[in-house]
Amino acid sequence: MYLQERQIPIWAFSPKFSTGGNVVVALTKMANFRQAKVDETTLESYRLALEGLDLRAFQVACAVIAEARPREGETLFPSLGYILDVMEEARERFPKSGQKELNTSPAVTGQKALPK
């Protein structure tokens, strides 16, 4: 399991939105949790950079960043580089369980959690 069960209702992607739309929604939720103001231009730029990447790691990164206090000197809305760093850390923590490839598909609303 990549997201904790309590995080799935918040960070799961909606089948009603496109991949890019879900990325923007997740970024907006993360901004809300961090009490950050973010403009449409920033959201669109981040969407373009993130939507083709490992979306499961992106979901985990959003959850981790949303629940963490900003580091000293860090803006409330994190830099793209910081999001990418947290995504990399998330991929390193994913359970391998003998799989040759990681499951990079995002969690989607309505999916049942896998047994631990």
C-alpha atoms as a PDB file:
ATOM      1  CA  MET A   1       0.000   0.000   0.000  1.00  0.00           C
ATOM      2  CA  TYR A   2       1.378   3.358  -0.999  1.00  0.00           C
ATOM      3  CA  LEU A   3      -0.990   5.704   0.803  1.00  0.00           C
ATOM      4  CA  GLN A   4      -2.151   5.071   4.316  1.00  0.00           C
ATOM      5  CA  GLU A   5      -5.778   4.073   4.502  1.00  0.00           C
ATOM      6  CA  ARG A   6      -6.733   7.378   6.148  1.00  0.00           C
ATOM      7  CA  GLN A   7      -5.073   9.254   3.246  1.00  0.00           C
ATOM      8  CA  ILE A   8      -6.851   7.483   0.390  1.00  0.00           C
ATOM      9  CA  PRO A   9     -10.117   9.479   0.610  1.00  0.00           C
ATOM     10  CA  ILE A  10      -8.107  12.708   0.396  1.00  0.00           C
ATOM     11  CA  TRP A  11      -5.469  11.892  -2.225  1.00  0.00           C
ATOM     12  CA  ALA A  12      -7.155   9.321  -4.479  1.00  0.00           C
ATOM     13  CA  PHE A  13      -7.770  10.556  -8.011  1.00  0.00           C
ATOM     14  CA  SER A  14     -11.327  10.940  -9.245  1.00  0.00           C
ATOM     15  CA  PRO A  15     -12.310   9.034 -12.391  1.00  0.00           C
ATOM     16  CA  LYS A  16     -14.392  12.106 -13.300  1.00  0.00           C
ATOM     17  CA  PHE A  17     -11.274  14.201 -14.015  1.00  0.00           C
ATOM     18  CA  SER A  18      -8.439  13.881 -16.486  1.00  0.00           C
ATOM     19  CA  THR A  19      -4.970  13.036 -15.236  1.00  0.00           C
ATOM     20  CA  GLY A  20      -3.997  16.698 -15.457  1.00  0.00           C
ATOM     21  CA  GLY A  21      -7.167  17.741 -13.666  1.00  0.00           C
ATOM     22  CA  ASN A  22      -6.444  15.301 -10.846  1.00  0.00           C
ATOM     23  CA  VAL A  23      -2.885  16.641 -10.547  1.00  0.00           C
ATOM     24  CA  VAL A  24      -4.233  20.190 -10.211  1.00  0.00           C
ATOM     25  CA  VAL A  25      -6.806  19.073  -7.631  1.00  0.00           C
ATOM     26  CA  ALA A  26      -4.088  17.335  -5.582  1.00  0.00           C
ATOM     27  CA  LEU A  27      -1.815  20.385  -5.761  1.00  0.00           C
ATOM     28  CA  THR A  28      -4.713  22.589  -4.676  1.00  0.00           C
ATOM     29  CA  LYS A  29      -5.494  20.281  -1.735  1.00  0.00           C
ATOM     30  CA  MET A  30      -1.839  20.324  -0.722  1.00  0.00           C
ATOM     31  CA  ALA A  31      -1.843  24.137  -0.877  1.00  0.00           C
ATOM     32  CA  ASN A  32      -4.982  24.238   1.267  1.00  0.00           C
ATOM     33  CA  PHE A  33      -3.498  21.938   3.889  1.00  0.00           C
ATOM     34  CA  ARG A  34      -0.369  24.098   4.026  1.00  0.00           C
ATOM     35  CA  GLN A  35      -2.464  27.295   4.038  1.00  0.00           C
ATOM     36  CA  ALA A  36      -0.635  28.469   0.921  1.00  0.00           C
ATOM     37  CA  LYS A  37      -1.939  30.684  -1.830  1.00  0.00           C
ATOM     38  CA  VAL A  38      -1.208  29.407  -5.310  1.00  0.00           C
ATOM     39  CA  ASP A  39      -2.166  30.970  -8.630  1.00  0.00           C
ATOM     40  CA  GLU A  40      -3.440  29.327 -11.797  1.00  0.00           C
ATOM     41  CA  THR A  41      -0.160  29.896 -13.659  1.00  0.00           C
ATOM     42  CA  THR A  42       1.787  28.007 -10.991  1.00  0.00           C
ATOM     43  CA  LEU A  43      -0.739  25.168 -10.934  1.00  0.00           C
ATOM     44  CA  GLU A  44      -0.592  24.855 -14.718  1.00  0.00           C
ATOM     45  CA  SER A  45       3.220  24.879 -14.753  1.00  0.00           C
ATOM     46  CA  TYR A  46       3.402  22.195 -12.070  1.00  0.00           C
ATOM     47  CA  ARG A  47       0.730  20.143 -13.861  1.00  0.00           C
ATOM     48  CA  LEU A  48       2.755  20.145 -17.068  1.00  0.00           C
ATOM     49  CA  ALA A  49       5.866  19.033 -15.190  1.00  0.00           C
ATOM     50  CA  LEU A  50       4.171  16.335 -13.085  1.00  0.00           C
ATOM     51  CA  GLU A  51       1.371  14.675 -15.028  1.00  0.00           C
ATOM     52  CA  GLY A  52       3.668  12.418 -17.056  1.00  0.00           C
ATOM     53  CA  LEU A  53       5.565  11.148 -14.013  1.00  0.00           C
ATOM     54  CA  ASP A  54       4.931   8.433 -11.417  1.00  0.00           C
ATOM     55  CA  LEU A  55       1.498   9.523 -10.200  1.00  0.00           C
ATOM     56  CA  ARG A  56       1.372   7.111  -7.288  1.00  0.00           C
ATOM     57  CA  ALA A  57       4.591   8.645  -5.943  1.00  0.00           C
ATOM     58  CA  PHE A  58       3.052  12.068  -6.597  1.00  0.00           C
ATOM     59  CA  GLN A  59       0.037  11.195  -4.438  1.00  0.00           C
ATOM     60  CA  VAL A  60       2.300  10.003  -1.644  1.00  0.00           C
ATOM     61  CA  ALA A  61       4.433  13.141  -1.934  1.00  0.00           C
ATOM     62  CA  CYS A  62       1.341  15.365  -1.682  1.00  0.00           C
ATOM     63  CA  ALA A  63       0.225  13.515   1.442  1.00  0.00           C
ATOM     64  CA  VAL A  64       3.680  13.708   3.048  1.00  0.00           C
ATOM     65  CA  ILE A  65       4.165  17.392   2.234  1.00  0.00           C
ATOM     66  CA  ALA A  66       0.632  18.324   3.335  1.00  0.00           C
ATOM     67  CA  GLU A  67       1.201  16.736   6.738  1.00  0.00           C
ATOM     68  CA  ALA A  68       4.696  18.147   7.302  1.00  0.00           C
ATOM     69  CA  ARG A  69       5.640  21.502   8.721  1.00  0.00           C
ATOM     70  CA  PRO A  70       7.440  23.697   6.216  1.00  0.00           C
ATOM     71  CA  ARG A  71      11.189  23.501   6.606  1.00  0.00           C
ATOM     72  CA  GLU A  72      13.014  26.624   7.720  1.00  0.00           C
ATOM     73  CA  GLY A  73      13.075  29.109   4.864  1.00  0.00           C
ATOM     74  CA  GLU A  74      10.629  27.053   2.774  1.00  0.00           C
ATOM     75  CA  THR A  75       7.585  28.702   1.251  1.00  0.00           C
ATOM     76  CA  LEU A  76       4.193  27.302   2.204  1.00  0.00           C
ATOM     77  CA  PHE A  77       3.660  26.011  -1.330  1.00  0.00           C
ATOM     78  CA  PRO A  78       6.684  23.816  -2.033  1.00  0.00           C
ATOM     79  CA  SER A  79       8.975  24.154  -5.010  1.00  0.00           C
ATOM     80  CA  LEU A  80       8.688  21.685  -7.860  1.00  0.00           C
ATOM     81  CA  GLY A  81      12.148  20.387  -6.963  1.00  0.00           C
ATOM     82  CA  TYR A  82      11.041  19.602  -3.417  1.00  0.00           C
ATOM     83  CA  ILE A  83       7.966  17.729  -4.675  1.00  0.00           C
ATOM     84  CA  LEU A  84      10.198  15.713  -7.019  1.00  0.00           C
ATOM     85  CA  ASP A  85      12.588  14.930  -4.146  1.00  0.00           C
ATOM     86  CA  VAL A  86       9.739  13.683  -1.951  1.00  0.00           C
ATOM     87  CA  MET A  87       8.422  11.617  -4.879  1.00  0.00           C
ATOM     88  CA  GLU A  88      11.838   9.958  -5.189  1.00  0.00           C
ATOM     89  CA  GLU A  89      11.901   9.218  -1.458  1.00  0.00           C
ATOM     90  CA  ALA A  90       8.397   7.752  -1.738  1.00  0.00           C
ATOM     91  CA  ARG A  91       9.464   5.428  -4.564  1.00  0.00           C
ATOM     92  CA  GLU A  92      12.355   4.190  -2.434  1.00  0.00           C
ATOM     93  CA  ARG A  93       9.910   3.294   0.378  1.00  0.00           C
ATOM     94  CA  PHE A  94       7.395   1.445  -1.797  1.00  0.00           C
ATOM     95  CA  PRO A  95       7.237  -2.243  -0.955  1.00  0.00           C
ATOM     96  CA  LYS A  96       8.906  -4.240  -3.677  1.00  0.00           C
ATOM     97  CA  SER A  97       7.411  -7.631  -2.691  1.00  0.00           C
ATOM     98  CA  GLY A  98       9.229  -9.428  -5.484  1.00  0.00           C
ATOM     99  CA  GLN A  99       7.806  -7.222  -8.214  1.00  0.00           C
ATOM    100  CA  LYS A 100      10.129  -6.304 -11.042  1.00  0.00           C
ATOM    101  CA  GLU A 101       8.247  -3.065 -11.668  1.00  0.00           C
ATOM    102  CA  LEU A 102       6.642  -0.630  -9.271  1.00  0.00           C
ATOM    103  CA  ASN A 103       2.936   0.042  -9.542  1.00  0.00           C
ATOM    104  CA  THR A 104       2.960   3.667 -10.631  1.00  0.00           C
ATOM    105  CA  SER A 105      -0.773   3.895 -11.312  1.00  0.00           C
ATOM    106  CA  PRO A 106      -2.453   6.434  -9.053  1.00  0.00           C
ATOM    107  CA  ALA A 107      -4.924   5.330  -6.434  1.00  0.00           C
ATOM    108  CA  VAL A 108      -8.426   6.089  -7.707  1.00  0.00           C
ATOM    109  CA  THR A 109     -11.539   6.845  -5.680  1.00  0.00           C
ATOM    110  CA  GLY A 110     -13.569   3.709  -5.136  1.00  0.00           C
ATOM    111  CA  GLN A 111     -10.603   1.312  -5.232  1.00  0.00           C
ATOM    112  CA  LYS A 112     -10.381  -1.070  -2.340  1.00  0.00           C
ATOM    113  CA  ALA A 113      -7.219  -0.948  -0.291  1.00  0.00           C
ATOM    114  CA  LEU A 114      -4.863  -3.863  -0.779  1.00  0.00           C
ATOM    115  CA  PRO A 115      -4.238  -6.024   2.275  1.00  0.00           C
ATOM    116  CA  LYS A 116      -1.058  -5.116   4.114  1.00  0.00           C
END
